[in-house]
Amino acid sequence: MHSLILLGGAAFLAGVLNSIAGGGSFLTFPALVYTGVPPVPANTSNTVALVPGSLASVVAYRREFSRVKGLNLKLWYVVSLCGGLIGAVLLLKTPDSVFRHIAPWLLLFATLLFAFGRQVSELFRGRLHASEPMMMLILFPIAVYGGYFGGGIGIMMLAAFRLYGLSDIHVMNAMKTLIGGSLNSVAVVVFVLARDVYWRQSLTMMGFAILGGYFGAHYSRLLPQAFIRGVVIVVGIVMTTYFFLRVQ
């Protein structure tokens, strides 16, 4: 029972974080591993649990989509789905023993990207020609990473959108939740067909992630972005350190 309570609380907070700034996997993936789920099934179960929360955020952001103009979103959508599919298949081909050693580095990469994503975005902004082909070249590997692991993918997408020239944070968040949720939905289909999901844990987390995703998106404008970012970074540092110590 205490494991289910832990997973439910982590999923709710993850839904909130994903709807606002990303980083929810910093909470749910370690929580699943802590409660005894092997690393690869923990990653697949985590994706299954959090996708409905992302889609709930899409509903809450529905007004923002009317402000998206001049973009070929269908192309963005297809590229993201293909990348997510490839990433999901790669994950299923990775043995647990290998992923156990890869996970800390993925968490470290995601944490650093989340912490310094804005600076990286500003560094390249103006040095790259903002075009749709360039955006697809950036978006595809992000989608592959999202299907494989997903930690920090939200800040990757926000940085990519900023490079493309978008500036409205609420519109970017809306697009992030739609594209991220969609590519993870493809990954979910792959994971379910492969029967590599711990359903009791995933279903427990799913309901709480939906609540967190909806309310997080609905009330995101009331919370200081700097505070949310700080919380995610601290959690990322703690979880990364824990996983590095765990593989020693």
Protein backbone atom coordinates (compact mmCIF):
# COMPACT_ATOMS: atom_id res chain seq x y z
CA MET A 1 0.00 0.00 0.00
CA HIS A 2 2.77 2.46 0.84
CA SER A 3 4.30 1.78 -2.61
CA LEU A 4 1.01 2.64 -4.35
CA ILE A 5 0.71 5.84 -2.30
CA LEU A 6 4.27 6.78 -3.24
CA LEU A 7 3.59 6.11 -6.93
CA GLY A 8 0.31 8.05 -6.87
CA GLY A 9 1.92 11.10 -5.26
CA ALA A 10 4.85 11.00 -7.66
CA ALA A 11 2.50 10.69 -10.64
CA PHE A 12 0.35 13.65 -9.57
CA LEU A 13 3.40 15.89 -9.13
CA ALA A 14 4.83 14.59 -12.42
CA GLY A 15 1.60 15.50 -14.22
CA VAL A 16 1.82 19.02 -12.77
CA LEU A 17 5.50 19.43 -13.70
CA ASN A 18 5.05 18.06 -17.23
CA SER A 19 2.21 20.47 -17.93
CA ILE A 20 4.27 23.47 -16.82
CA ALA A 21 7.96 22.90 -17.41
CA GLY A 22 8.62 19.19 -17.96
CA GLY A 23 10.72 16.95 -15.75
CA GLY A 24 7.99 14.67 -14.42
CA SER A 25 10.03 11.55 -15.18
CA PHE A 26 12.55 12.69 -12.56
CA LEU A 27 9.89 11.69 -10.02
CA THR A 28 8.06 8.73 -11.53
CA PHE A 29 10.88 6.69 -13.05
CA PRO A 30 12.90 6.58 -9.80
CA ALA A 31 9.70 5.89 -7.84
CA LEU A 32 8.99 2.83 -9.98
CA VAL A 33 12.54 1.52 -9.63
CA TYR A 34 12.44 2.17 -5.87
CA THR A 35 9.28 0.08 -5.54
CA GLY A 36 10.94 -2.88 -7.26
CA VAL A 37 10.23 -2.52 -10.99
CA PRO A 38 13.27 -3.38 -13.20
CA PRO A 39 14.77 -0.40 -15.12
CA VAL A 40 13.44 -1.05 -18.65
CA PRO A 41 9.87 -2.01 -17.53
CA ALA A 42 10.01 0.98 -15.16
CA ASN A 43 10.67 3.22 -18.16
CA THR A 44 7.92 1.65 -20.27
CA SER A 45 5.42 1.67 -17.37
CA ASN A 46 6.35 5.28 -16.65
CA THR A 47 5.55 6.29 -20.23
CA VAL A 48 2.21 4.45 -20.16
CA ALA A 49 1.27 6.12 -16.88
CA LEU A 50 2.14 9.69 -17.89
CA VAL A 51 0.73 9.88 -21.44
CA PRO A 52 -2.91 10.41 -20.32
CA GLY A 53 -1.73 13.26 -18.09
CA SER A 54 -0.09 14.90 -21.09
CA LEU A 55 -3.28 14.54 -23.11
CA ALA A 56 -5.26 16.08 -20.22
CA SER A 57 -2.89 19.05 -20.41
CA VAL A 58 -3.68 19.34 -24.13
CA VAL A 59 -7.35 19.77 -23.26
CA ALA A 60 -6.50 22.47 -20.72
CA TYR A 61 -4.36 24.27 -23.30
CA ARG A 62 -6.98 24.03 -26.06
CA ARG A 63 -7.43 27.83 -26.32
CA GLU A 64 -3.73 28.30 -27.08
CA PHE A 65 -3.89 26.21 -30.26
CA SER A 66 -6.03 28.82 -31.98
CA ARG A 67 -3.03 31.18 -31.74
CA VAL A 68 -0.71 28.83 -33.68
CA LYS A 69 -0.50 30.20 -37.20
CA GLY A 70 1.72 29.62 -40.23
CA LEU A 71 3.11 26.24 -39.11
CA ASN A 72 2.83 22.91 -40.90
CA LEU A 73 1.85 21.07 -37.72
CA LYS A 74 0.93 17.91 -39.64
CA LEU A 75 4.56 17.53 -40.75
CA TRP A 76 5.80 18.21 -37.21
CA TYR A 77 3.34 15.61 -35.98
CA VAL A 78 4.40 12.88 -38.44
CA VAL A 79 8.12 13.42 -37.79
CA SER A 80 7.53 13.21 -34.02
CA LEU A 81 5.50 10.01 -34.32
CA CYS A 82 8.20 8.32 -36.42
CA GLY A 83 10.91 9.34 -33.96
CA GLY A 84 8.90 8.14 -30.97
CA LEU A 85 8.32 4.77 -32.64
CA ILE A 86 12.04 4.26 -33.30
CA GLY A 87 12.97 5.27 -29.75
CA ALA A 88 10.45 2.85 -28.24
CA VAL A 89 11.77 -0.07 -30.30
CA LEU A 90 15.36 0.79 -29.31
CA LEU A 91 14.37 0.75 -25.63
CA LEU A 92 12.84 -2.72 -25.90
CA LYS A 93 16.08 -3.95 -27.51
CA THR A 94 18.14 -2.66 -24.55
CA PRO A 95 18.82 -5.26 -21.80
CA ASP A 96 17.98 -4.29 -18.21
CA SER A 97 21.62 -4.65 -17.17
CA VAL A 98 22.69 -2.17 -19.85
CA PHE A 99 19.88 0.30 -19.21
CA ARG A 100 20.69 0.27 -15.48
CA HIS A 101 24.06 1.83 -16.37
CA ILE A 102 22.65 4.13 -19.06
CA ALA A 103 19.86 5.57 -16.87
CA PRO A 104 22.07 7.74 -14.61
CA TRP A 105 23.69 9.35 -17.64
CA LEU A 106 20.30 9.98 -19.24
CA LEU A 107 19.09 11.60 -16.02
CA LEU A 108 22.27 13.70 -15.82
CA PHE A 109 21.86 14.81 -19.44
CA ALA A 110 18.21 15.69 -18.87
CA THR A 111 19.01 17.61 -15.68
CA LEU A 112 21.79 19.65 -17.29
CA LEU A 113 19.63 20.35 -20.32
CA PHE A 114 16.76 21.46 -18.11
CA ALA A 115 19.06 23.68 -16.03
CA PHE A 116 20.89 25.29 -18.96
CA GLY A 117 18.41 24.82 -21.80
CA ARG A 118 17.62 28.52 -22.00
CA GLN A 119 21.30 29.45 -22.30
CA VAL A 120 21.87 26.78 -24.99
CA SER A 121 18.85 28.04 -26.90
CA GLU A 122 20.06 31.64 -26.74
CA LEU A 123 23.57 30.56 -27.80
CA PHE A 124 22.31 29.06 -31.06
CA ARG A 125 19.53 31.54 -31.66
CA GLY A 126 20.48 33.82 -34.49
CA ARG A 127 23.29 31.51 -35.63
CA LEU A 128 20.96 29.00 -37.24
CA HIS A 129 18.56 29.82 -40.04
CA ALA A 130 15.08 29.23 -38.66
CA SER A 131 13.39 27.09 -41.30
CA GLU A 132 11.02 24.16 -41.31
CA PRO A 133 13.61 21.66 -42.66
CA MET A 134 15.99 22.70 -39.86
CA MET A 135 13.20 22.27 -37.34
CA MET A 136 12.51 18.75 -38.59
CA LEU A 137 16.22 17.87 -38.29
CA ILE A 138 16.12 19.02 -34.67
CA LEU A 139 12.73 17.55 -33.83
CA PHE A 140 13.40 14.02 -35.11
CA PRO A 141 16.25 13.10 -32.70
CA ILE A 142 14.31 14.74 -29.87
CA ALA A 143 11.38 12.45 -30.68
CA VAL A 144 13.67 9.38 -30.77
CA TYR A 145 15.03 10.34 -27.36
CA GLY A 146 11.46 10.85 -26.14
CA GLY A 147 10.40 7.38 -27.21
CA TYR A 148 13.52 5.88 -25.62
CA PHE A 149 13.60 7.72 -22.28
CA GLY A 150 11.80 11.07 -22.31
CA GLY A 151 13.35 12.76 -19.28
CA GLY A 152 13.88 16.41 -20.13
CA ILE A 153 12.14 16.16 -23.50
CA GLY A 154 9.88 19.07 -22.57
CA ILE A 155 12.77 21.51 -22.27
CA MET A 156 14.28 20.09 -25.49
CA MET A 157 11.09 20.94 -27.33
CA LEU A 158 10.82 24.39 -25.78
CA ALA A 159 14.42 25.10 -26.80
CA ALA A 160 13.71 23.88 -30.35
CA PHE A 161 10.58 26.05 -30.58
CA ARG A 162 12.58 29.05 -29.37
CA LEU A 163 15.21 28.40 -32.04
CA TYR A 164 12.45 28.31 -34.63
CA GLY A 165 11.37 31.76 -33.53
CA LEU A 166 8.36 31.13 -31.31
CA SER A 167 8.18 33.30 -28.21
CA ASP A 168 4.78 32.86 -26.54
CA ILE A 169 5.50 30.45 -23.65
CA HIS A 170 1.87 29.35 -23.33
CA VAL A 171 1.62 28.50 -27.04
CA MET A 172 4.95 26.64 -26.84
CA ASN A 173 3.74 24.71 -23.79
CA ALA A 174 0.56 23.76 -25.64
CA MET A 175 2.53 22.48 -28.63
CA LYS A 176 4.96 20.68 -26.33
CA THR A 177 2.17 18.79 -24.59
CA LEU A 178 0.50 17.84 -27.90
CA ILE A 179 3.64 16.66 -29.72
CA GLY A 180 5.22 15.06 -26.65
CA GLY A 181 2.01 13.29 -25.69
CA SER A 182 1.52 12.05 -29.24
CA LEU A 183 5.00 10.58 -29.73
CA ASN A 184 4.74 8.91 -26.32
CA SER A 185 1.35 7.51 -27.33
CA VAL A 186 3.05 5.67 -30.18
CA ALA A 187 5.65 4.38 -27.73
CA VAL A 188 2.85 3.18 -25.45
CA VAL A 189 1.35 1.08 -28.27
CA VAL A 190 4.76 -0.55 -28.83
CA PHE A 191 5.25 -1.23 -25.11
CA VAL A 192 1.76 -2.70 -24.69
CA LEU A 193 2.16 -4.98 -27.70
CA ALA A 194 5.51 -6.13 -26.30
CA ARG A 195 3.82 -6.89 -22.95
CA ASP A 196 6.51 -4.98 -21.09
CA VAL A 197 4.26 -2.92 -18.80
CA TYR A 198 3.61 -3.34 -15.06
CA TRP A 199 -0.10 -2.57 -15.22
CA ARG A 200 -0.93 -2.34 -11.51
CA GLN A 201 1.64 0.38 -11.00
CA SER A 202 0.89 2.11 -14.31
CA LEU A 203 -2.87 2.28 -13.77
CA THR A 204 -2.40 3.60 -10.23
CA MET A 205 -0.14 6.36 -11.52
CA MET A 206 -2.28 7.09 -14.56
CA GLY A 207 -5.26 8.51 -12.69
CA PHE A 208 -3.10 10.77 -10.54
CA ALA A 209 -1.07 11.91 -13.57
CA ILE A 210 -4.28 12.93 -15.36
CA LEU A 211 -5.36 15.04 -12.38
CA GLY A 212 -1.92 16.59 -12.09
CA GLY A 213 -1.68 17.25 -15.82
CA TYR A 214 -5.04 18.98 -16.03
CA PHE A 215 -4.76 21.09 -12.89
CA GLY A 216 -1.11 21.88 -13.57
CA ALA A 217 -1.93 23.28 -17.01
CA HIS A 218 -5.03 25.06 -15.73
CA TYR A 219 -3.25 26.84 -12.87
CA SER A 220 0.21 27.15 -14.43
CA ARG A 221 -0.15 30.92 -14.88
CA LEU A 222 -0.51 31.35 -11.11
CA LEU A 223 2.90 29.83 -10.30
CA PRO A 224 6.28 31.53 -10.80
CA GLN A 225 8.13 29.73 -13.60
CA ALA A 226 11.45 30.24 -11.78
CA PHE A 227 10.14 28.40 -8.73
CA ILE A 228 8.93 25.43 -10.79
CA ARG A 229 12.23 25.26 -12.66
CA GLY A 230 14.15 25.31 -9.40
CA VAL A 231 12.12 22.43 -7.99
CA VAL A 232 12.65 20.32 -11.12
CA ILE A 233 16.40 20.98 -11.14
CA VAL A 234 16.79 20.04 -7.45
CA VAL A 235 14.80 16.83 -7.97
CA GLY A 236 16.88 16.03 -11.05
CA ILE A 237 20.16 16.47 -9.15
CA VAL A 238 18.98 14.30 -6.27
CA MET A 239 17.69 11.50 -8.50
CA THR A 240 20.75 11.56 -10.76
CA THR A 241 23.04 11.26 -7.73
CA TYR A 242 20.92 8.42 -6.35
CA PHE A 243 21.10 6.42 -9.59
CA PHE A 244 24.85 6.92 -9.97
CA LEU A 245 25.35 5.62 -6.42
CA ARG A 246 22.98 2.75 -7.12
CA VAL A 247 25.03 1.34 -9.99
CA GLN A 248 28.31 1.39 -8.03
